[in-house]
Protein backbone atom coordinates (compact mmCIF):
# COMPACT_ATOMS: atom_id res chain seq x y z
CA MET A 1 9.09 -2.97 7.41
CA ASN A 2 6.55 -3.75 10.08
CA ILE A 3 6.99 -0.26 11.57
CA LEU A 4 6.30 1.31 8.17
CA ARG A 5 3.05 -0.62 7.88
CA LYS A 6 1.98 0.50 11.35
CA ILE A 7 2.70 4.13 10.46
CA ARG A 8 0.75 3.81 7.21
CA GLN A 9 -2.18 2.19 9.01
CA GLY A 10 -2.20 4.93 11.66
CA LEU A 11 -2.12 7.70 9.06
CA ARG A 12 -4.84 5.98 7.05
CA ASP A 13 -7.07 5.63 10.12
CA ALA A 14 -6.49 9.25 11.16
CA ALA A 15 -7.26 10.50 7.65
CA GLN A 16 -10.48 8.48 7.51
CA ILE A 17 -11.60 9.79 10.89
CA ILE A 18 -10.95 13.38 9.82
CA ILE A 19 -12.76 12.90 6.51
CA ILE A 20 -15.89 11.37 8.04
CA ALA A 21 -15.93 13.52 11.20
CA PRO A 22 -19.41 14.89 11.93
CA VAL A 23 -17.77 18.02 13.36
CA LYS A 24 -17.22 20.97 11.02
CA LEU A 25 -13.45 21.03 10.43
CA PRO A 26 -11.48 23.60 8.47
CA VAL A 27 -11.49 22.94 4.73
CA LYS A 28 -7.68 22.75 4.58
CA VAL A 29 -7.57 20.04 7.25
CA VAL A 30 -10.06 17.89 5.33
CA ALA A 31 -8.20 18.51 2.06
CA VAL A 32 -4.89 17.41 3.59
CA ALA A 33 -6.57 14.32 5.04
CA ARG A 34 -7.92 13.43 1.59
CA TYR A 35 -4.48 13.79 0.02
CA VAL A 36 -2.91 11.69 2.77
CA ALA A 37 -5.54 8.99 2.23
CA LEU A 38 -4.91 9.10 -1.53
CA VAL A 39 -1.14 8.80 -1.17
CA ILE A 40 -1.41 5.95 1.33
CA GLY A 41 -3.81 4.14 -0.99
CA LEU A 42 -1.36 4.50 -3.85
CA LEU A 43 1.53 3.26 -1.73
CA GLU A 44 -0.46 0.21 -0.64
CA ALA A 45 -1.44 -0.55 -4.24
CA LEU A 46 2.18 -0.32 -5.37
CA ASP A 47 3.29 -2.44 -2.43
CA SER A 48 0.75 -5.16 -3.24
CA GLU A 49 1.79 -5.09 -6.92
CA LYS A 50 5.42 -5.43 -5.90
CA GLU A 51 4.61 -8.42 -3.67
CA ALA A 52 2.55 -10.06 -6.44
CA ASP A 53 5.31 -9.39 -8.97
CA GLY A 54 7.86 -10.93 -6.59
CA VAL A 55 5.79 -14.09 -6.34
CA LYS A 56 5.51 -14.31 -10.12
CA ARG A 57 9.26 -13.84 -10.52
CA GLU A 58 9.96 -16.60 -7.99
CA ASP A 59 7.60 -18.97 -9.81
CA LYS A 60 9.17 -18.09 -13.15
CA GLY A 61 12.65 -18.62 -11.74
CA GLN A 62 11.70 -22.05 -10.42
CA ALA A 63 10.21 -23.00 -13.80
CA GLU A 64 13.38 -21.93 -15.59
CA GLU A 65 15.51 -23.94 -13.18
CA GLY A 66 13.44 -27.00 -13.95
CA ARG A 67 13.98 -26.51 -17.69
CA ASP A 68 17.76 -26.20 -17.25
CA GLU A 69 17.95 -29.49 -15.38
CA THR A 70 16.09 -31.44 -18.07
CA GLN A 71 18.28 -30.16 -20.91
């Protein structure tokens, strides 16, 4: 999973550099960089939601275990 994060970070950095480049680049190159940045942003948002959801599920599971022991 660490390799995937490094790839995402590299693509994100490259897309940002292309988007903010002071040099006149072809329109298609900038458009592709914007789409890449958008997709990576979505993937990171989904990944952070999944991690947050996993933490909530673990907490909920621990709370349910505590209830079972008292009954």
